[in-house]
């Protein structure tokens, strides 16, 4: 309790700094937008032929991707992708379990595939992503031709979207995906991969997203709007100490309040609420949620021009998930 009280005093001092103090550390602001994969509208499929017979089509259901997009200059944008290999699905549980085994992907030892672009080239037919692809313990440079389906646009829910389609042909042997002799003779060496990557910046101020009446996020946002950040912080901490059982104090509730404020352009208020979220949940939340929280803080600090705090929070996000595509893209930008 004493440790948290000291932390509260220090953070309160920070939040009461004069307007603009958070921006003073670094004049430059984030010069692009970070889109993350909307997997409900994306696909990562592959096709392999059984020699002399038909084809098998499969997909990877679980993956993350982030696009650092600079409007009007796609060749200065970048992409990071990680794929959870055990999510492979070919429509046959027997085949899928075999693919997960040591004979093929060995997912217990190599749980992720990863791609990070090094550059984007403009061609006569569209664009090409160039960068290293890692499968199992093998990393090789690949070239992924892709087309623009939609540049940055606003959908009916005021989400920002961007969509690309790409294709890639790999030789499975190049990445150590060999298999036992019986199957190795029956499966073609080449694997065709189809990609449709729908990036999205979610609109947290969507009118269809309503607060629950007992959400602490609702309290935080409304108090910031009516009385300011310091009052909101004091109100939330009082309820945490004295009325915790009456409110939904889930990390997501305060996180949403911070993101809603950020999208209204109120970066100092957003940072204050997100920092409070980290203070209350930093020692108890799941790694996935903390990765998202610290990446959001890093992005807010970067937009506010505070390079040092942006980098600090990016590294915190990576400490919980070293392969987080969004944190990787932030780190790439902050170190450039």
C-alpha atoms as a PDB file:
ATOM      1  CA  UNK A   1       0.000   0.000   0.000  1.00  0.00           C
ATOM      2  CA  UNK A   2       2.811   2.447   0.880  1.00  0.00           C
ATOM      3  CA  UNK A   3       4.561   1.704  -2.420  1.00  0.00           C
ATOM      4  CA  UNK A   4       1.382   2.418  -4.407  1.00  0.00           C
ATOM      5  CA  UNK A   5       0.748   5.603  -2.409  1.00  0.00           C
ATOM      6  CA  UNK A   6       4.222   6.906  -3.235  1.00  0.00           C
ATOM      7  CA  UNK A   7       3.654   6.040  -6.871  1.00  0.00           C
ATOM      8  CA  UNK A   8       0.324   7.864  -6.767  1.00  0.00           C
ATOM      9  CA  UNK A   9       1.971  11.016  -5.400  1.00  0.00           C
ATOM     10  CA  UNK A  10       4.611  10.978  -8.127  1.00  0.00           C
ATOM     11  CA  UNK A  11       2.095  10.407 -10.888  1.00  0.00           C
ATOM     12  CA  UNK A  12      -0.199  13.101  -9.549  1.00  0.00           C
ATOM     13  CA  UNK A  13       2.702  15.513  -9.725  1.00  0.00           C
ATOM     14  CA  UNK A  14       3.284  14.551 -13.327  1.00  0.00           C
ATOM     15  CA  UNK A  15      -0.377  14.984 -14.233  1.00  0.00           C
ATOM     16  CA  UNK A  16      -0.507  18.456 -12.714  1.00  0.00           C
ATOM     17  CA  UNK A  17       2.350  19.764 -14.855  1.00  0.00           C
ATOM     18  CA  UNK A  18       1.474  22.784 -16.995  1.00  0.00           C
ATOM     19  CA  UNK A  19      -0.207  22.105 -20.313  1.00  0.00           C
ATOM     20  CA  UNK A  20       2.334  21.137 -22.944  1.00  0.00           C
ATOM     21  CA  UNK A  21       4.881  19.700 -20.503  1.00  0.00           C
ATOM     22  CA  UNK A  22       4.424  16.180 -21.835  1.00  0.00           C
ATOM     23  CA  UNK A  23       5.318  17.389 -25.315  1.00  0.00           C
ATOM     24  CA  UNK A  24       8.408  19.300 -24.252  1.00  0.00           C
ATOM     25  CA  UNK A  25      10.807  16.376 -24.301  1.00  0.00           C
ATOM     26  CA  UNK A  26      10.780  15.850 -28.073  1.00  0.00           C
ATOM     27  CA  UNK A  27       9.442  18.169 -30.779  1.00  0.00           C
ATOM     28  CA  UNK A  28       8.816  15.517 -33.435  1.00  0.00           C
ATOM     29  CA  UNK A  29       5.503  13.662 -33.484  1.00  0.00           C
ATOM     30  CA  UNK A  30       4.512  10.307 -34.923  1.00  0.00           C
ATOM     31  CA  UNK A  31       4.475  10.888 -38.685  1.00  0.00           C
ATOM     32  CA  UNK A  32       2.271   7.940 -39.592  1.00  0.00           C
ATOM     33  CA  UNK A  33      -0.601   5.787 -38.398  1.00  0.00           C
ATOM     34  CA  UNK A  34      -0.369   2.249 -37.030  1.00  0.00           C
ATOM     35  CA  UNK A  35      -3.041  -0.073 -38.351  1.00  0.00           C
ATOM     36  CA  UNK A  36      -3.477  -3.515 -36.800  1.00  0.00           C
ATOM     37  CA  UNK A  37      -4.931  -6.552 -38.542  1.00  0.00           C
ATOM     38  CA  UNK A  38      -8.685  -6.944 -38.472  1.00  0.00           C
ATOM     39  CA  UNK A  39      -8.531 -10.731 -38.641  1.00  0.00           C
ATOM     40  CA  UNK A  40     -12.290 -11.028 -39.143  1.00  0.00           C
ATOM     41  CA  UNK A  41     -11.768  -9.454 -42.567  1.00  0.00           C
ATOM     42  CA  UNK A  42      -8.284 -10.744 -43.386  1.00  0.00           C
ATOM     43  CA  UNK A  43      -6.982 -14.121 -44.504  1.00  0.00           C
ATOM     44  CA  UNK A  44      -3.716 -16.029 -44.483  1.00  0.00           C
ATOM     45  CA  UNK A  45      -4.312 -19.103 -46.638  1.00  0.00           C
ATOM     46  CA  UNK A  46      -2.029 -21.621 -48.295  1.00  0.00           C
ATOM     47  CA  UNK A  47      -2.398 -24.285 -50.981  1.00  0.00           C
ATOM     48  CA  UNK A  48      -0.215 -27.330 -51.519  1.00  0.00           C
ATOM     49  CA  UNK A  49      -0.691 -30.057 -54.135  1.00  0.00           C
ATOM     50  CA  UNK A  50      -0.648 -33.746 -53.463  1.00  0.00           C
ATOM     51  CA  UNK A  51       1.564 -34.889 -56.338  1.00  0.00           C
ATOM     52  CA  UNK A  52      -0.505 -36.384 -59.152  1.00  0.00           C
ATOM     53  CA  UNK A  53      -3.794 -35.693 -57.375  1.00  0.00           C
ATOM     54  CA  UNK A  54      -5.719 -32.749 -55.934  1.00  0.00           C
ATOM     55  CA  UNK A  55      -4.853 -29.790 -53.763  1.00  0.00           C
ATOM     56  CA  UNK A  56      -5.070 -29.205 -50.027  1.00  0.00           C
ATOM     57  CA  UNK A  57      -6.036 -25.736 -48.889  1.00  0.00           C
ATOM     58  CA  UNK A  58      -5.425 -24.509 -45.384  1.00  0.00           C
ATOM     59  CA  UNK A  59      -5.277 -21.387 -43.286  1.00  0.00           C
ATOM     60  CA  UNK A  60      -3.751 -19.988 -40.122  1.00  0.00           C
ATOM     61  CA  UNK A  61      -6.483 -18.718 -37.843  1.00  0.00           C
ATOM     62  CA  UNK A  62      -4.443 -16.815 -35.258  1.00  0.00           C
ATOM     63  CA  UNK A  63      -2.026 -14.089 -36.259  1.00  0.00           C
ATOM     64  CA  UNK A  64      -1.196 -10.480 -35.546  1.00  0.00           C
ATOM     65  CA  UNK A  65      -0.052  -7.805 -37.969  1.00  0.00           C
ATOM     66  CA  UNK A  66       0.731  -4.111 -37.812  1.00  0.00           C
ATOM     67  CA  UNK A  67       1.171  -1.651 -40.658  1.00  0.00           C
ATOM     68  CA  UNK A  68       3.015   1.591 -40.060  1.00  0.00           C
ATOM     69  CA  UNK A  69       1.375   3.629 -42.815  1.00  0.00           C
ATOM     70  CA  UNK A  70       2.564   6.955 -44.113  1.00  0.00           C
ATOM     71  CA  UNK A  71      -0.206   8.461 -46.208  1.00  0.00           C
ATOM     72  CA  UNK A  72       0.881   9.308 -49.737  1.00  0.00           C
ATOM     73  CA  UNK A  73       4.225   7.497 -49.443  1.00  0.00           C
ATOM     74  CA  UNK A  74       3.654   3.766 -49.262  1.00  0.00           C
ATOM     75  CA  UNK A  75       7.307   2.968 -49.952  1.00  0.00           C
ATOM     76  CA  UNK A  76       8.166   4.541 -46.593  1.00  0.00           C
ATOM     77  CA  UNK A  77       5.630   2.396 -44.767  1.00  0.00           C
ATOM     78  CA  UNK A  78       6.374  -0.964 -43.126  1.00  0.00           C
ATOM     79  CA  UNK A  79       4.733  -4.194 -41.970  1.00  0.00           C
ATOM     80  CA  UNK A  80       5.283  -6.720 -39.168  1.00  0.00           C
ATOM     81  CA  UNK A  81       3.444 -10.050 -38.912  1.00  0.00           C
ATOM     82  CA  UNK A  82       3.529 -12.932 -36.436  1.00  0.00           C
ATOM     83  CA  UNK A  83       1.600 -16.167 -36.941  1.00  0.00           C
ATOM     84  CA  UNK A  84       0.657 -18.705 -34.284  1.00  0.00           C
ATOM     85  CA  UNK A  85       1.635 -21.900 -36.090  1.00  0.00           C
ATOM     86  CA  UNK A  86      -0.519 -24.249 -34.025  1.00  0.00           C
ATOM     87  CA  UNK A  87      -3.583 -22.438 -35.401  1.00  0.00           C
ATOM     88  CA  UNK A  88      -3.092 -24.219 -38.757  1.00  0.00           C
ATOM     89  CA  UNK A  89      -6.388 -25.545 -40.090  1.00  0.00           C
ATOM     90  CA  UNK A  90      -6.745 -27.702 -43.223  1.00  0.00           C
ATOM     91  CA  UNK A  91     -10.155 -29.119 -42.403  1.00  0.00           C
ATOM     92  CA  UNK A  92      -8.724 -32.380 -41.046  1.00  0.00           C
ATOM     93  CA  UNK A  93      -7.810 -32.656 -37.366  1.00  0.00           C
ATOM     94  CA  UNK A  94      -5.608 -35.694 -38.099  1.00  0.00           C
ATOM     95  CA  UNK A  95      -3.652 -33.790 -40.741  1.00  0.00           C
ATOM     96  CA  UNK A  96      -3.483 -30.627 -38.633  1.00  0.00           C
ATOM     97  CA  UNK A  97      -2.058 -32.486 -35.641  1.00  0.00           C
ATOM     98  CA  UNK A  98       0.537 -34.100 -37.891  1.00  0.00           C
ATOM     99  CA  UNK A  99       1.512 -30.694 -39.278  1.00  0.00           C
ATOM    100  CA  UNK A 100       1.992 -29.437 -35.717  1.00  0.00           C
ATOM    101  CA  UNK A 101       4.281 -32.348 -34.854  1.00  0.00           C
ATOM    102  CA  UNK A 102       8.071 -32.689 -35.105  1.00  0.00           C
ATOM    103  CA  UNK A 103       7.631 -34.109 -38.615  1.00  0.00           C
ATOM    104  CA  UNK A 104       6.655 -30.690 -39.918  1.00  0.00           C
ATOM    105  CA  UNK A 105       6.320 -27.402 -37.977  1.00  0.00           C
ATOM    106  CA  UNK A 106       7.255 -28.680 -34.482  1.00  0.00           C
ATOM    107  CA  UNK A 107       5.075 -26.024 -32.867  1.00  0.00           C
ATOM    108  CA  UNK A 108       6.118 -26.774 -29.292  1.00  0.00           C
ATOM    109  CA  UNK A 109       9.647 -25.656 -30.135  1.00  0.00           C
ATOM    110  CA  UNK A 110       8.852 -23.118 -32.847  1.00  0.00           C
ATOM    111  CA  UNK A 111       5.437 -21.613 -31.985  1.00  0.00           C
ATOM    112  CA  UNK A 112       5.624 -18.576 -34.276  1.00  0.00           C
ATOM    113  CA  UNK A 113       6.303 -17.629 -37.854  1.00  0.00           C
ATOM    114  CA  UNK A 114       7.385 -14.032 -38.343  1.00  0.00           C
ATOM    115  CA  UNK A 115       7.862 -11.533 -41.166  1.00  0.00           C
ATOM    116  CA  UNK A 116       9.150  -7.982 -40.902  1.00  0.00           C
ATOM    117  CA  UNK A 117       9.500  -5.830 -43.975  1.00  0.00           C
ATOM    118  CA  UNK A 118      12.818  -4.163 -44.697  1.00  0.00           C
ATOM    119  CA  UNK A 119      11.466  -2.047 -47.525  1.00  0.00           C
ATOM    120  CA  UNK A 120       8.546  -1.635 -49.922  1.00  0.00           C
ATOM    121  CA  UNK A 121       9.343  -1.341 -53.627  1.00  0.00           C
ATOM    122  CA  UNK A 122       7.118   0.266 -56.255  1.00  0.00           C
ATOM    123  CA  UNK A 123       6.787  -1.812 -59.429  1.00  0.00           C
ATOM    124  CA  UNK A 124       4.912  -1.539 -62.714  1.00  0.00           C
ATOM    125  CA  UNK A 125       2.304  -3.989 -61.388  1.00  0.00           C
ATOM    126  CA  UNK A 126       1.943  -2.671 -57.842  1.00  0.00           C
ATOM    127  CA  UNK A 127       4.279  -3.071 -54.888  1.00  0.00           C
ATOM    128  CA  UNK A 128       6.603  -5.647 -53.369  1.00  0.00           C
ATOM    129  CA  UNK A 129       7.263  -6.245 -49.677  1.00  0.00           C
ATOM    130  CA  UNK A 130      10.869  -7.245 -49.100  1.00  0.00           C
ATOM    131  CA  UNK A 131      12.135  -8.711 -45.851  1.00  0.00           C
ATOM    132  CA  UNK A 132      13.043 -11.763 -43.767  1.00  0.00           C
ATOM    133  CA  UNK A 133      10.569 -14.583 -43.146  1.00  0.00           C
ATOM    134  CA  UNK A 134      11.257 -16.979 -40.270  1.00  0.00           C
ATOM    135  CA  UNK A 135       9.693 -20.452 -40.137  1.00  0.00           C
ATOM    136  CA  UNK A 136      10.941 -22.956 -37.591  1.00  0.00           C
ATOM    137  CA  UNK A 137      14.592 -21.974 -37.076  1.00  0.00           C
ATOM    138  CA  UNK A 138      15.202 -20.816 -40.657  1.00  0.00           C
ATOM    139  CA  UNK A 139      15.177 -17.187 -41.797  1.00  0.00           C
ATOM    140  CA  UNK A 140      15.227 -16.317 -45.488  1.00  0.00           C
ATOM    141  CA  UNK A 141      14.601 -13.157 -47.428  1.00  0.00           C
ATOM    142  CA  UNK A 142      11.373 -13.146 -49.433  1.00  0.00           C
ATOM    143  CA  UNK A 143       9.616 -10.858 -51.871  1.00  0.00           C
ATOM    144  CA  UNK A 144       5.839 -10.556 -51.548  1.00  0.00           C
ATOM    145  CA  UNK A 145       4.092  -8.856 -54.490  1.00  0.00           C
ATOM    146  CA  UNK A 146       0.905  -7.092 -53.412  1.00  0.00           C
ATOM    147  CA  UNK A 147      -1.819  -4.821 -54.686  1.00  0.00           C
ATOM    148  CA  UNK A 148      -3.663  -1.989 -52.960  1.00  0.00           C
ATOM    149  CA  UNK A 149      -7.322  -2.859 -52.492  1.00  0.00           C
ATOM    150  CA  UNK A 150      -8.126   0.256 -50.476  1.00  0.00           C
ATOM    151  CA  UNK A 151      -5.963   3.088 -49.262  1.00  0.00           C
ATOM    152  CA  UNK A 152      -6.844   4.768 -45.992  1.00  0.00           C
ATOM    153  CA  UNK A 153     -10.585   5.275 -45.809  1.00  0.00           C
ATOM    154  CA  UNK A 154     -13.349   5.586 -43.226  1.00  0.00           C
ATOM    155  CA  UNK A 155     -15.973   2.854 -42.907  1.00  0.00           C
ATOM    156  CA  UNK A 156     -19.587   3.218 -41.746  1.00  0.00           C
ATOM    157  CA  UNK A 157     -18.521   2.982 -38.084  1.00  0.00           C
ATOM    158  CA  UNK A 158     -15.801   5.632 -38.487  1.00  0.00           C
ATOM    159  CA  UNK A 159     -13.040   3.035 -38.227  1.00  0.00           C
ATOM    160  CA  UNK A 160     -10.015   3.832 -40.372  1.00  0.00           C
ATOM    161  CA  UNK A 161      -9.205   0.993 -42.786  1.00  0.00           C
ATOM    162  CA  UNK A 162      -6.604  -0.001 -45.328  1.00  0.00           C
ATOM    163  CA  UNK A 163      -6.524  -3.255 -47.338  1.00  0.00           C
ATOM    164  CA  UNK A 164      -3.848  -5.074 -49.342  1.00  0.00           C
ATOM    165  CA  UNK A 165      -3.864  -8.386 -51.223  1.00  0.00           C
ATOM    166  CA  UNK A 166      -0.662 -10.335 -51.878  1.00  0.00           C
ATOM    167  CA  UNK A 167       0.631 -13.684 -53.076  1.00  0.00           C
ATOM    168  CA  UNK A 168       3.782 -15.615 -52.333  1.00  0.00           C
ATOM    169  CA  UNK A 169       5.181 -18.981 -53.453  1.00  0.00           C
ATOM    170  CA  UNK A 170       7.633 -20.744 -51.136  1.00  0.00           C
ATOM    171  CA  UNK A 171       9.645 -23.926 -51.306  1.00  0.00           C
ATOM    172  CA  UNK A 172       8.837 -25.725 -48.065  1.00  0.00           C
ATOM    173  CA  UNK A 173      12.244 -27.451 -48.052  1.00  0.00           C
ATOM    174  CA  UNK A 174      13.958 -24.057 -47.801  1.00  0.00           C
ATOM    175  CA  UNK A 175      12.433 -23.711 -44.331  1.00  0.00           C
ATOM    176  CA  UNK A 176      12.980 -27.259 -43.110  1.00  0.00           C
ATOM    177  CA  UNK A 177       9.360 -28.346 -43.634  1.00  0.00           C
ATOM    178  CA  UNK A 178      10.252 -31.769 -44.971  1.00  0.00           C
ATOM    179  CA  UNK A 179       8.150 -34.423 -43.276  1.00  0.00           C
ATOM    180  CA  UNK A 180       8.589 -38.193 -43.198  1.00  0.00           C
ATOM    181  CA  UNK A 181       9.631 -40.041 -46.361  1.00  0.00           C
ATOM    182  CA  UNK A 182       6.133 -41.294 -47.189  1.00  0.00           C
ATOM    183  CA  UNK A 183       4.516 -37.859 -47.196  1.00  0.00           C
ATOM    184  CA  UNK A 184       7.570 -36.081 -48.514  1.00  0.00           C
ATOM    185  CA  UNK A 185       7.201 -37.985 -51.786  1.00  0.00           C
ATOM    186  CA  UNK A 186       3.513 -37.151 -52.086  1.00  0.00           C
ATOM    187  CA  UNK A 187       3.519 -33.432 -51.250  1.00  0.00           C
ATOM    188  CA  UNK A 188       4.736 -30.846 -53.748  1.00  0.00           C
ATOM    189  CA  UNK A 189       7.719 -28.746 -52.718  1.00  0.00           C
ATOM    190  CA  UNK A 190       6.001 -25.475 -53.584  1.00  0.00           C
ATOM    191  CA  UNK A 191       3.388 -23.865 -51.369  1.00  0.00           C
ATOM    192  CA  UNK A 192       1.230 -21.017 -52.648  1.00  0.00           C
ATOM    193  CA  UNK A 193       0.235 -18.429 -50.045  1.00  0.00           C
ATOM    194  CA  UNK A 194      -2.668 -15.991 -50.422  1.00  0.00           C
ATOM    195  CA  UNK A 195      -2.780 -12.942 -48.186  1.00  0.00           C
ATOM    196  CA  UNK A 196      -5.482 -10.376 -47.674  1.00  0.00           C
ATOM    197  CA  UNK A 197      -4.470  -7.982 -44.944  1.00  0.00           C
ATOM    198  CA  UNK A 198      -7.171  -5.635 -43.707  1.00  0.00           C
ATOM    199  CA  UNK A 199      -5.656  -3.068 -41.374  1.00  0.00           C
ATOM    200  CA  UNK A 200      -7.876  -1.131 -38.998  1.00  0.00           C
ATOM    201  CA  UNK A 201      -7.675   1.715 -36.511  1.00  0.00           C
ATOM    202  CA  UNK A 202     -10.640   1.006 -34.282  1.00  0.00           C
ATOM    203  CA  UNK A 203     -12.967   3.885 -33.484  1.00  0.00           C
ATOM    204  CA  UNK A 204     -13.360   3.798 -29.700  1.00  0.00           C
ATOM    205  CA  UNK A 205     -15.880   6.626 -29.941  1.00  0.00           C
ATOM    206  CA  UNK A 206     -18.222   4.500 -32.034  1.00  0.00           C
ATOM    207  CA  UNK A 207     -21.797   5.470 -31.032  1.00  0.00           C
ATOM    208  CA  UNK A 208     -22.758   1.781 -30.982  1.00  0.00           C
ATOM    209  CA  UNK A 209     -20.249   1.081 -28.189  1.00  0.00           C
ATOM    210  CA  UNK A 210     -22.057   1.954 -24.986  1.00  0.00           C
ATOM    211  CA  UNK A 211     -20.614   2.065 -21.476  1.00  0.00           C
ATOM    212  CA  UNK A 212     -22.002  -0.293 -18.864  1.00  0.00           C
ATOM    213  CA  UNK A 213     -23.469   1.747 -16.022  1.00  0.00           C
ATOM    214  CA  UNK A 214     -20.957   0.370 -13.503  1.00  0.00           C
ATOM    215  CA  UNK A 215     -17.908   0.776 -15.741  1.00  0.00           C
ATOM    216  CA  UNK A 216     -15.027   2.604 -14.114  1.00  0.00           C
ATOM    217  CA  UNK A 217     -14.120   3.750 -17.604  1.00  0.00           C
ATOM    218  CA  UNK A 218     -17.414   5.628 -17.810  1.00  0.00           C
ATOM    219  CA  UNK A 219     -16.612   7.325 -14.491  1.00  0.00           C
ATOM    220  CA  UNK A 220     -13.111   8.239 -15.658  1.00  0.00           C
ATOM    221  CA  UNK A 221     -14.177   9.656 -19.017  1.00  0.00           C
ATOM    222  CA  UNK A 222     -17.121  11.645 -17.660  1.00  0.00           C
ATOM    223  CA  UNK A 223     -15.064  13.077 -14.787  1.00  0.00           C
ATOM    224  CA  UNK A 224     -12.245  14.091 -17.120  1.00  0.00           C
ATOM    225  CA  UNK A 225     -14.797  15.828 -19.332  1.00  0.00           C
ATOM    226  CA  UNK A 226     -16.517  17.638 -16.464  1.00  0.00           C
ATOM    227  CA  UNK A 227     -13.747  18.324 -13.935  1.00  0.00           C
ATOM    228  CA  UNK A 228     -10.381  17.482 -15.461  1.00  0.00           C
ATOM    229  CA  UNK A 229      -7.782  14.744 -15.219  1.00  0.00           C
ATOM    230  CA  UNK A 230      -6.684  15.296 -11.607  1.00  0.00           C
ATOM    231  CA  UNK A 231     -10.283  15.030 -10.401  1.00  0.00           C
ATOM    232  CA  UNK A 232     -10.841  11.884 -12.476  1.00  0.00           C
ATOM    233  CA  UNK A 233      -7.735  10.297 -11.051  1.00  0.00           C
ATOM    234  CA  UNK A 234      -8.792  11.072  -7.485  1.00  0.00           C
ATOM    235  CA  UNK A 235     -12.316   9.761  -8.112  1.00  0.00           C
ATOM    236  CA  UNK A 236     -11.088   6.474  -9.616  1.00  0.00           C
ATOM    237  CA  UNK A 237      -8.586   5.859  -6.799  1.00  0.00           C
ATOM    238  CA  UNK A 238     -11.247   6.575  -4.174  1.00  0.00           C
ATOM    239  CA  UNK A 239     -13.626   4.071  -5.750  1.00  0.00           C
ATOM    240  CA  UNK A 240     -10.800   1.532  -6.080  1.00  0.00           C
ATOM    241  CA  UNK A 241     -10.068   1.835  -2.359  1.00  0.00           C
ATOM    242  CA  UNK A 242     -13.594   2.103  -0.976  1.00  0.00           C
ATOM    243  CA  UNK A 243     -16.172   0.841  -3.497  1.00  0.00           C
ATOM    244  CA  UNK A 244     -14.291  -1.604  -5.704  1.00  0.00           C
ATOM    245  CA  UNK A 245     -16.990  -4.274  -5.582  1.00  0.00           C
ATOM    246  CA  UNK A 246     -19.591  -1.850  -6.979  1.00  0.00           C
ATOM    247  CA  UNK A 247     -17.747  -1.091 -10.220  1.00  0.00           C
ATOM    248  CA  UNK A 248     -16.278  -3.000 -13.132  1.00  0.00           C
ATOM    249  CA  UNK A 249     -12.592  -2.235 -12.661  1.00  0.00           C
ATOM    250  CA  UNK A 250     -11.417  -4.487 -15.489  1.00  0.00           C
ATOM    251  CA  UNK A 251      -8.349  -3.245 -17.318  1.00  0.00           C
ATOM    252  CA  UNK A 252     -10.343  -2.953 -20.524  1.00  0.00           C
ATOM    253  CA  UNK A 253     -12.743  -0.425 -18.993  1.00  0.00           C
ATOM    254  CA  UNK A 254     -10.063   2.164 -18.184  1.00  0.00           C
ATOM    255  CA  UNK A 255      -8.154   1.302 -21.360  1.00  0.00           C
ATOM    256  CA  UNK A 256     -11.210   2.219 -23.435  1.00  0.00           C
ATOM    257  CA  UNK A 257     -11.548   5.526 -21.609  1.00  0.00           C
ATOM    258  CA  UNK A 258      -7.929   6.352 -22.403  1.00  0.00           C
ATOM    259  CA  UNK A 259      -8.301   5.375 -26.065  1.00  0.00           C
ATOM    260  CA  UNK A 260     -11.519   7.391 -26.433  1.00  0.00           C
ATOM    261  CA  UNK A 261      -9.737  10.474 -25.092  1.00  0.00           C
ATOM    262  CA  UNK A 262      -6.740   9.880 -27.367  1.00  0.00           C
ATOM    263  CA  UNK A 263      -8.985   9.731 -30.425  1.00  0.00           C
ATOM    264  CA  UNK A 264     -10.534  13.028 -29.401  1.00  0.00           C
ATOM    265  CA  UNK A 265      -7.040  14.527 -29.555  1.00  0.00           C
ATOM    266  CA  UNK A 266      -6.785  14.929 -25.772  1.00  0.00           C
ATOM    267  CA  UNK A 267      -3.406  13.255 -25.486  1.00  0.00           C
ATOM    268  CA  UNK A 268      -2.429  14.455 -22.010  1.00  0.00           C
ATOM    269  CA  UNK A 269      -5.760  13.260 -20.596  1.00  0.00           C
ATOM    270  CA  UNK A 270      -5.426   9.972 -22.466  1.00  0.00           C
ATOM    271  CA  UNK A 271      -1.893   9.426 -21.173  1.00  0.00           C
ATOM    272  CA  UNK A 272      -3.018  10.145 -17.620  1.00  0.00           C
ATOM    273  CA  UNK A 273      -5.838   7.598 -17.790  1.00  0.00           C
ATOM    274  CA  UNK A 274      -3.655   4.951 -19.443  1.00  0.00           C
ATOM    275  CA  UNK A 275      -0.916   5.503 -16.854  1.00  0.00           C
ATOM    276  CA  UNK A 276      -3.525   5.074 -14.125  1.00  0.00           C
ATOM    277  CA  UNK A 277      -4.614   1.832 -15.805  1.00  0.00           C
ATOM    278  CA  UNK A 278      -1.027   0.586 -15.665  1.00  0.00           C
ATOM    279  CA  UNK A 279      -0.720   1.644 -12.023  1.00  0.00           C
ATOM    280  CA  UNK A 280      -3.803  -0.328 -10.993  1.00  0.00           C
ATOM    281  CA  UNK A 281      -3.347  -3.388 -13.205  1.00  0.00           C
ATOM    282  CA  UNK A 282       0.363  -3.562 -14.027  1.00  0.00           C
ATOM    283  CA  UNK A 283       1.094  -6.343 -11.551  1.00  0.00           C
ATOM    284  CA  UNK A 284      -1.977  -8.503 -12.129  1.00  0.00           C
ATOM    285  CA  UNK A 285      -3.235  -8.351 -15.713  1.00  0.00           C
ATOM    286  CA  UNK A 286      -2.536 -10.897 -18.439  1.00  0.00           C
ATOM    287  CA  UNK A 287       0.521 -10.370 -20.638  1.00  0.00           C
ATOM    288  CA  UNK A 288      -1.642  -9.883 -23.734  1.00  0.00           C
ATOM    289  CA  UNK A 289      -3.561  -7.010 -22.130  1.00  0.00           C
ATOM    290  CA  UNK A 290      -0.428  -5.367 -20.756  1.00  0.00           C
ATOM    291  CA  UNK A 291       1.213  -5.568 -24.181  1.00  0.00           C
ATOM    292  CA  UNK A 292      -1.729  -3.694 -25.691  1.00  0.00           C
ATOM    293  CA  UNK A 293      -1.797  -1.166 -22.842  1.00  0.00           C
ATOM    294  CA  UNK A 294       1.886  -0.248 -22.996  1.00  0.00           C
ATOM    295  CA  UNK A 295       1.837  -0.140 -26.800  1.00  0.00           C
ATOM    296  CA  UNK A 296      -1.097   2.284 -26.593  1.00  0.00           C
ATOM    297  CA  UNK A 297       0.809   4.407 -24.075  1.00  0.00           C
ATOM    298  CA  UNK A 298       3.864   4.357 -26.330  1.00  0.00           C
ATOM    299  CA  UNK A 299       1.815   5.505 -29.307  1.00  0.00           C
ATOM    300  CA  UNK A 300       0.176   8.289 -27.290  1.00  0.00           C
ATOM    301  CA  UNK A 301       3.541   9.527 -26.016  1.00  0.00           C
ATOM    302  CA  UNK A 302       4.962   9.392 -29.547  1.00  0.00           C
ATOM    303  CA  UNK A 303       2.053  11.465 -30.874  1.00  0.00           C
ATOM    304  CA  UNK A 304       2.588  13.914 -28.021  1.00  0.00           C
ATOM    305  CA  UNK A 305       6.241  14.231 -29.023  1.00  0.00           C
ATOM    306  CA  UNK A 306       7.737  12.575 -25.936  1.00  0.00           C
ATOM    307  CA  UNK A 307      10.271  10.242 -27.528  1.00  0.00           C
ATOM    308  CA  UNK A 308      11.817   8.985 -24.283  1.00  0.00           C
ATOM    309  CA  UNK A 309       8.527   7.926 -22.700  1.00  0.00           C
ATOM    310  CA  UNK A 310       7.358   6.440 -26.003  1.00  0.00           C
ATOM    311  CA  UNK A 311      10.481   4.283 -26.164  1.00  0.00           C
ATOM    312  CA  UNK A 312      10.184   3.318 -22.487  1.00  0.00           C
ATOM    313  CA  UNK A 313       6.633   2.068 -22.952  1.00  0.00           C
ATOM    314  CA  UNK A 314       7.437   0.318 -26.210  1.00  0.00           C
ATOM    315  CA  UNK A 315      10.088  -1.675 -24.392  1.00  0.00           C
ATOM    316  CA  UNK A 316       7.581  -2.486 -21.644  1.00  0.00           C
ATOM    317  CA  UNK A 317       5.164  -3.826 -24.267  1.00  0.00           C
ATOM    318  CA  UNK A 318       7.938  -5.950 -25.773  1.00  0.00           C
ATOM    319  CA  UNK A 319       8.859  -7.306 -22.343  1.00  0.00           C
ATOM    320  CA  UNK A 320       5.412  -8.946 -22.228  1.00  0.00           C
ATOM    321  CA  UNK A 321       5.338  -9.980 -25.890  1.00  0.00           C
ATOM    322  CA  UNK A 322       8.711  -9.737 -27.678  1.00  0.00           C
ATOM    323  CA  UNK A 323       7.011 -10.436 -31.030  1.00  0.00           C
ATOM    324  CA  UNK A 324       4.183  -7.895 -30.757  1.00  0.00           C
ATOM    325  CA  UNK A 325       3.832  -6.463 -34.291  1.00  0.00           C
ATOM    326  CA  UNK A 326       2.539  -3.086 -33.080  1.00  0.00           C
ATOM    327  CA  UNK A 327       5.333  -2.688 -30.544  1.00  0.00           C
ATOM    328  CA  UNK A 328       7.857  -3.784 -33.166  1.00  0.00           C
ATOM    329  CA  UNK A 329       6.593  -1.160 -35.582  1.00  0.00           C
ATOM    330  CA  UNK A 330       6.745   1.508 -32.866  1.00  0.00           C
ATOM    331  CA  UNK A 331      10.294   0.475 -32.001  1.00  0.00           C
ATOM    332  CA  UNK A 332      11.297   0.621 -35.658  1.00  0.00           C
ATOM    333  CA  UNK A 333       9.918   4.167 -35.905  1.00  0.00           C
ATOM    334  CA  UNK A 334      11.416   5.371 -32.606  1.00  0.00           C
ATOM    335  CA  UNK A 335      14.869   4.085 -33.522  1.00  0.00           C
ATOM    336  CA  UNK A 336      14.801   5.428 -37.064  1.00  0.00           C
END
